Amino acid sequence: MLPQGIKVGMKESSGFDPIPADVYSVELLDVSSVVHPTYDTRNSPPESQEMETIFNFQFVLLEGQAGEKNLRGLSTWANFVPSYFYISKKNGKNRLFKIIEALIGHDVGMQEYSQMENDASSFLNALIGKQCRVVIEHVQKGDKTYANPISFMKTSSLLQPLNPEEKEKAKIKKNKEERIEENKLNDIAF
């Protein structure tokens, strides 16, 4: 039997409307990577899973309105499995190629190829804070609607960059386990 006086609060579920489909000027806030099982092996036992690295590009909108709501500061992500930096005869430039060209504002040249080949991390990290434009389209999966960036273009004019407060607000907050693991790594580094 429950003791007297227990209260149960009421709370409605919170959901977010997807970013409206449109073209937006954005700033690259962060590039990170995670290691996951490949699509083909994700349901296999752990010992037989093949792992792959996925790059996550977090872009933050610098402009836009949806009715009365200002969209500046909202995030959208582009994920990419960086197997190769290439142009295919069938599909053209891959997503990584398109993102880089949009952020640097010109076609990728031999200097960029060389930097990507020698030290992709440094090259991609140097793109943080750069601006480009993205085309966002909606994709339906079941009863949910996702706003996906499908195309990347160089910007014709720079907008006011994110200030430190906007950057902090847009950053993904880490869960407790990730913060503990990061602190362990920081303790080892010193």
C-alpha atoms as a PDB file:
ATOM      1  CA  MET A   1       0.000   0.000   0.000  1.00  0.00           C
ATOM      2  CA  LEU A   2       1.254   3.489  -0.825  1.00  0.00           C
ATOM      3  CA  PRO A   3       1.699   5.956   2.000  1.00  0.00           C
ATOM      4  CA  GLN A   4      -0.660   8.943   2.118  1.00  0.00           C
ATOM      5  CA  GLY A   5       0.340  12.241   0.538  1.00  0.00           C
ATOM      6  CA  ILE A   6       2.071  11.092  -2.636  1.00  0.00           C
ATOM      7  CA  LYS A   7       1.526  13.575  -5.424  1.00  0.00           C
ATOM      8  CA  VAL A   8       1.893  12.961  -9.122  1.00  0.00           C
ATOM      9  CA  GLY A   9       2.452  16.017 -11.279  1.00  0.00           C
ATOM     10  CA  MET A  10       1.086  16.489 -14.750  1.00  0.00           C
ATOM     11  CA  LYS A  11       3.299  17.344 -17.671  1.00  0.00           C
ATOM     12  CA  GLU A  12       2.611  17.435 -21.377  1.00  0.00           C
ATOM     13  CA  SER A  13       5.127  15.924 -23.719  1.00  0.00           C
ATOM     14  CA  SER A  14       7.292  18.479 -25.398  1.00  0.00           C
ATOM     15  CA  GLY A  15       7.954  18.247 -29.071  1.00  0.00           C
ATOM     16  CA  PHE A  16       9.650  20.488 -31.531  1.00  0.00           C
ATOM     17  CA  ASP A  17       8.364  21.531 -34.895  1.00  0.00           C
ATOM     18  CA  PRO A  18      10.914  20.800 -37.597  1.00  0.00           C
ATOM     19  CA  ILE A  19      12.747  23.707 -39.180  1.00  0.00           C
ATOM     20  CA  PRO A  20      10.598  24.801 -42.151  1.00  0.00           C
ATOM     21  CA  ALA A  21      11.812  23.601 -45.548  1.00  0.00           C
ATOM     22  CA  ASP A  22      13.769  26.466 -47.128  1.00  0.00           C
ATOM     23  CA  VAL A  23      17.271  27.772 -47.868  1.00  0.00           C
ATOM     24  CA  TYR A  24      19.139  29.106 -44.808  1.00  0.00           C
ATOM     25  CA  SER A  25      22.440  30.784 -44.057  1.00  0.00           C
ATOM     26  CA  VAL A  26      24.206  28.758 -41.389  1.00  0.00           C
ATOM     27  CA  GLU A  27      27.423  28.670 -39.395  1.00  0.00           C
ATOM     28  CA  LEU A  28      29.334  25.460 -38.760  1.00  0.00           C
ATOM     29  CA  LEU A  29      29.343  25.159 -34.965  1.00  0.00           C
ATOM     30  CA  ASP A  30      31.076  21.813 -34.567  1.00  0.00           C
ATOM     31  CA  VAL A  31      32.423  18.747 -36.330  1.00  0.00           C
ATOM     32  CA  SER A  32      32.573  15.578 -34.271  1.00  0.00           C
ATOM     33  CA  SER A  33      32.908  11.883 -34.923  1.00  0.00           C
ATOM     34  CA  VAL A  34      31.363   8.780 -33.439  1.00  0.00           C
ATOM     35  CA  VAL A  35      32.087   5.119 -34.031  1.00  0.00           C
ATOM     36  CA  HIS A  36      29.085   2.876 -34.718  1.00  0.00           C
ATOM     37  CA  PRO A  37      28.518  -0.590 -36.147  1.00  0.00           C
ATOM     38  CA  THR A  38      28.035  -0.520 -39.919  1.00  0.00           C
ATOM     39  CA  TYR A  39      24.492  -0.643 -41.247  1.00  0.00           C
ATOM     40  CA  ASP A  40      24.954  -4.249 -42.375  1.00  0.00           C
ATOM     41  CA  THR A  41      26.322  -5.488 -39.032  1.00  0.00           C
ATOM     42  CA  ARG A  42      24.421  -3.363 -36.474  1.00  0.00           C
ATOM     43  CA  ASN A  43      22.085  -6.253 -35.539  1.00  0.00           C
ATOM     44  CA  SER A  44      24.903  -8.806 -35.315  1.00  0.00           C
ATOM     45  CA  PRO A  45      26.486  -9.947 -32.042  1.00  0.00           C
ATOM     46  CA  PRO A  46      29.073  -7.399 -30.781  1.00  0.00           C
ATOM     47  CA  GLU A  47      32.057  -9.628 -31.602  1.00  0.00           C
ATOM     48  CA  SER A  48      31.088  -9.813 -35.295  1.00  0.00           C
ATOM     49  CA  GLN A  49      30.155  -6.166 -35.811  1.00  0.00           C
ATOM     50  CA  GLU A  50      32.233  -4.056 -38.156  1.00  0.00           C
ATOM     51  CA  MET A  51      32.725  -0.501 -36.935  1.00  0.00           C
ATOM     52  CA  GLU A  52      32.778   2.737 -38.922  1.00  0.00           C
ATOM     53  CA  THR A  53      33.435   6.367 -38.068  1.00  0.00           C
ATOM     54  CA  ILE A  54      30.675   8.866 -38.770  1.00  0.00           C
ATOM     55  CA  PHE A  55      31.344  12.608 -39.026  1.00  0.00           C
ATOM     56  CA  ASN A  56      28.625  14.832 -37.538  1.00  0.00           C
ATOM     57  CA  PHE A  57      28.491  18.410 -38.816  1.00  0.00           C
ATOM     58  CA  GLN A  58      26.372  20.708 -36.604  1.00  0.00           C
ATOM     59  CA  PHE A  59      25.136  23.802 -38.413  1.00  0.00           C
ATOM     60  CA  VAL A  60      23.329  26.649 -36.650  1.00  0.00           C
ATOM     61  CA  LEU A  61      20.856  28.861 -38.493  1.00  0.00           C
ATOM     62  CA  LEU A  62      21.841  32.534 -38.706  1.00  0.00           C
ATOM     63  CA  GLU A  63      18.492  33.739 -40.043  1.00  0.00           C
ATOM     64  CA  GLY A  64      14.914  32.762 -40.705  1.00  0.00           C
ATOM     65  CA  GLN A  65      11.375  33.231 -39.469  1.00  0.00           C
ATOM     66  CA  ALA A  66       8.527  30.773 -38.985  1.00  0.00           C
ATOM     67  CA  GLY A  67       5.511  32.959 -38.302  1.00  0.00           C
ATOM     68  CA  GLU A  68       6.439  34.962 -35.208  1.00  0.00           C
ATOM     69  CA  LYS A  69       9.286  32.620 -34.234  1.00  0.00           C
ATOM     70  CA  ASN A  70      12.882  33.665 -34.965  1.00  0.00           C
ATOM     71  CA  LEU A  71      14.822  30.623 -36.181  1.00  0.00           C
ATOM     72  CA  ARG A  72      18.319  32.020 -35.480  1.00  0.00           C
ATOM     73  CA  GLY A  73      20.143  29.622 -33.183  1.00  0.00           C
ATOM     74  CA  LEU A  74      18.338  26.421 -34.221  1.00  0.00           C
ATOM     75  CA  SER A  75      20.572  23.517 -35.237  1.00  0.00           C
ATOM     76  CA  THR A  76      20.568  21.068 -38.107  1.00  0.00           C
ATOM     77  CA  TRP A  77      22.995  18.191 -38.603  1.00  0.00           C
ATOM     78  CA  ALA A  78      24.609  16.553 -41.591  1.00  0.00           C
ATOM     79  CA  ASN A  79      26.117  13.125 -40.982  1.00  0.00           C
ATOM     80  CA  PHE A  80      28.601  11.437 -43.264  1.00  0.00           C
ATOM     81  CA  VAL A  81      30.572   8.197 -43.241  1.00  0.00           C
ATOM     82  CA  PRO A  82      33.998   9.419 -44.437  1.00  0.00           C
ATOM     83  CA  SER A  83      35.069   6.419 -46.467  1.00  0.00           C
ATOM     84  CA  TYR A  84      36.508   8.544 -49.268  1.00  0.00           C
ATOM     85  CA  PHE A  85      36.619  12.109 -50.458  1.00  0.00           C
ATOM     86  CA  TYR A  86      35.492  11.541 -54.042  1.00  0.00           C
ATOM     87  CA  ILE A  87      33.475  12.402 -57.122  1.00  0.00           C
ATOM     88  CA  SER A  88      31.532   9.535 -58.682  1.00  0.00           C
ATOM     89  CA  LYS A  89      30.558   9.449 -62.343  1.00  0.00           C
ATOM     90  CA  LYS A  90      27.021   8.438 -61.382  1.00  0.00           C
ATOM     91  CA  ASN A  91      26.204  10.668 -58.379  1.00  0.00           C
ATOM     92  CA  GLY A  92      28.734  13.498 -58.624  1.00  0.00           C
ATOM     93  CA  LYS A  93      30.495  14.854 -55.541  1.00  0.00           C
ATOM     94  CA  ASN A  94      29.832  13.114 -52.252  1.00  0.00           C
ATOM     95  CA  ARG A  95      28.374  14.926 -49.235  1.00  0.00           C
ATOM     96  CA  LEU A  96      31.742  15.630 -47.585  1.00  0.00           C
ATOM     97  CA  PHE A  97      32.984  17.185 -50.818  1.00  0.00           C
ATOM     98  CA  LYS A  98      29.878  19.409 -51.067  1.00  0.00           C
ATOM     99  CA  ILE A  99      30.063  20.558 -47.431  1.00  0.00           C
ATOM    100  CA  ILE A 100      33.733  21.492 -47.718  1.00  0.00           C
ATOM    101  CA  GLU A 101      33.257  23.401 -50.972  1.00  0.00           C
ATOM    102  CA  ALA A 102      30.322  25.331 -49.512  1.00  0.00           C
ATOM    103  CA  LEU A 103      32.319  26.296 -46.402  1.00  0.00           C
ATOM    104  CA  ILE A 104      35.537  27.278 -48.212  1.00  0.00           C
ATOM    105  CA  GLY A 105      33.562  29.087 -50.927  1.00  0.00           C
ATOM    106  CA  HIS A 106      35.265  27.563 -53.977  1.00  0.00           C
ATOM    107  CA  ASP A 107      35.973  24.274 -55.709  1.00  0.00           C
ATOM    108  CA  VAL A 108      38.309  21.988 -53.809  1.00  0.00           C
ATOM    109  CA  GLY A 109      41.839  22.290 -55.179  1.00  0.00           C
ATOM    110  CA  MET A 110      45.036  20.292 -54.791  1.00  0.00           C
ATOM    111  CA  GLN A 111      45.941  22.166 -51.591  1.00  0.00           C
ATOM    112  CA  GLU A 112      42.694  21.072 -49.920  1.00  0.00           C
ATOM    113  CA  TYR A 113      43.082  17.504 -51.230  1.00  0.00           C
ATOM    114  CA  SER A 114      46.554  17.376 -49.764  1.00  0.00           C
ATOM    115  CA  GLN A 115      45.413  18.757 -46.386  1.00  0.00           C
ATOM    116  CA  MET A 116      42.510  16.291 -46.202  1.00  0.00           C
ATOM    117  CA  GLU A 117      44.780  13.381 -47.057  1.00  0.00           C
ATOM    118  CA  ASN A 118      47.452  14.336 -44.520  1.00  0.00           C
ATOM    119  CA  ASP A 119      45.344  15.593 -41.614  1.00  0.00           C
ATOM    120  CA  ALA A 120      41.584  15.605 -42.134  1.00  0.00           C
ATOM    121  CA  SER A 121      40.915  16.461 -38.470  1.00  0.00           C
ATOM    122  CA  SER A 122      42.864  19.717 -38.555  1.00  0.00           C
ATOM    123  CA  PHE A 123      41.427  20.671 -41.919  1.00  0.00           C
ATOM    124  CA  LEU A 124      37.806  20.060 -40.855  1.00  0.00           C
ATOM    125  CA  ASN A 125      38.285  21.708 -37.453  1.00  0.00           C
ATOM    126  CA  ALA A 126      39.565  24.830 -39.246  1.00  0.00           C
ATOM    127  CA  LEU A 127      36.179  25.090 -40.972  1.00  0.00           C
ATOM    128  CA  ILE A 128      34.347  25.616 -37.660  1.00  0.00           C
ATOM    129  CA  GLY A 129      32.889  29.123 -37.606  1.00  0.00           C
ATOM    130  CA  LYS A 130      32.642  29.383 -41.396  1.00  0.00           C
ATOM    131  CA  GLN A 131      29.313  30.123 -43.062  1.00  0.00           C
ATOM    132  CA  CYS A 132      27.451  28.579 -45.984  1.00  0.00           C
ATOM    133  CA  ARG A 133      23.859  28.051 -47.109  1.00  0.00           C
ATOM    134  CA  VAL A 134      21.879  24.833 -46.754  1.00  0.00           C
ATOM    135  CA  VAL A 135      18.686  23.634 -48.362  1.00  0.00           C
ATOM    136  CA  ILE A 136      16.458  21.920 -45.833  1.00  0.00           C
ATOM    137  CA  GLU A 137      13.733  19.521 -46.919  1.00  0.00           C
ATOM    138  CA  HIS A 138      11.320  17.494 -44.832  1.00  0.00           C
ATOM    139  CA  VAL A 139      11.430  13.704 -44.691  1.00  0.00           C
ATOM    140  CA  GLN A 140       8.561  11.640 -43.220  1.00  0.00           C
ATOM    141  CA  LYS A 141       9.407   8.529 -41.214  1.00  0.00           C
ATOM    142  CA  GLY A 142       6.304   7.037 -39.713  1.00  0.00           C
ATOM    143  CA  ASP A 143       4.430   9.775 -37.887  1.00  0.00           C
ATOM    144  CA  LYS A 144       7.524  11.976 -37.482  1.00  0.00           C
ATOM    145  CA  THR A 145       8.831  14.713 -39.757  1.00  0.00           C
ATOM    146  CA  TYR A 146      12.556  15.396 -39.937  1.00  0.00           C
ATOM    147  CA  ALA A 147      14.224  18.511 -41.346  1.00  0.00           C
ATOM    148  CA  ASN A 148      17.240  17.283 -43.303  1.00  0.00           C
ATOM    149  CA  PRO A 149      19.889  19.404 -44.999  1.00  0.00           C
ATOM    150  CA  ILE A 150      20.065  18.027 -48.522  1.00  0.00           C
ATOM    151  CA  SER A 151      22.222  20.539 -50.366  1.00  0.00           C
ATOM    152  CA  PHE A 152      25.107  22.858 -49.450  1.00  0.00           C
ATOM    153  CA  MET A 153      26.122  26.069 -51.223  1.00  0.00           C
ATOM    154  CA  LYS A 154      28.654  28.807 -50.678  1.00  0.00           C
ATOM    155  CA  THR A 155      27.285  32.003 -49.233  1.00  0.00           C
ATOM    156  CA  SER A 156      27.143  35.179 -51.275  1.00  0.00           C
ATOM    157  CA  SER A 157      27.319  37.422 -48.211  1.00  0.00           C
ATOM    158  CA  LEU A 158      28.336  36.788 -44.627  1.00  0.00           C
ATOM    159  CA  LEU A 159      25.815  37.362 -41.870  1.00  0.00           C
ATOM    160  CA  GLN A 160      26.487  38.323 -38.272  1.00  0.00           C
ATOM    161  CA  PRO A 161      28.295  35.290 -36.781  1.00  0.00           C
ATOM    162  CA  LEU A 162      27.049  33.565 -33.661  1.00  0.00           C
ATOM    163  CA  ASN A 163      28.097  35.270 -30.451  1.00  0.00           C
ATOM    164  CA  PRO A 164      29.561  33.203 -27.568  1.00  0.00           C
ATOM    165  CA  GLU A 165      26.192  33.038 -25.785  1.00  0.00           C
ATOM    166  CA  GLU A 166      24.430  31.724 -28.913  1.00  0.00           C
ATOM    167  CA  LYS A 167      27.184  29.157 -29.451  1.00  0.00           C
ATOM    168  CA  GLU A 168      26.910  27.910 -25.889  1.00  0.00           C
ATOM    169  CA  LYS A 169      23.119  27.662 -26.125  1.00  0.00           C
ATOM    170  CA  ALA A 170      23.362  25.671 -29.400  1.00  0.00           C
ATOM    171  CA  LYS A 171      25.959  23.184 -28.099  1.00  0.00           C
ATOM    172  CA  ILE A 172      24.722  19.710 -27.344  1.00  0.00           C
ATOM    173  CA  LYS A 173      24.663  19.147 -23.607  1.00  0.00           C
ATOM    174  CA  LYS A 174      26.490  15.991 -22.657  1.00  0.00           C
ATOM    175  CA  ASN A 175      24.893  13.390 -20.448  1.00  0.00           C
ATOM    176  CA  LYS A 176      26.422  12.496 -17.096  1.00  0.00           C
ATOM    177  CA  GLU A 177      28.347   9.443 -18.388  1.00  0.00           C
ATOM    178  CA  GLU A 178      29.950  11.445 -21.228  1.00  0.00           C
ATOM    179  CA  ARG A 179      31.020  14.211 -18.798  1.00  0.00           C
ATOM    180  CA  ILE A 180      32.566  11.628 -16.420  1.00  0.00           C
ATOM    181  CA  GLU A 181      34.446   9.955 -19.300  1.00  0.00           C
ATOM    182  CA  GLU A 182      35.645  13.341 -20.605  1.00  0.00           C
ATOM    183  CA  ASN A 183      36.894  14.280 -17.112  1.00  0.00           C
ATOM    184  CA  LYS A 184      38.788  10.984 -16.902  1.00  0.00           C
ATOM    185  CA  LEU A 185      40.450  11.731 -20.229  1.00  0.00           C
ATOM    186  CA  ASN A 186      41.299  15.262 -19.097  1.00  0.00           C
ATOM    187  CA  ASP A 187      42.813  13.914 -15.868  1.00  0.00           C
ATOM    188  CA  ILE A 188      45.011  11.524 -17.872  1.00  0.00           C
ATOM    189  CA  ALA A 189      46.174  14.317 -20.203  1.00  0.00           C
ATOM    190  CA  PHE A 190      47.674  16.377 -17.378  1.00  0.00           C
END
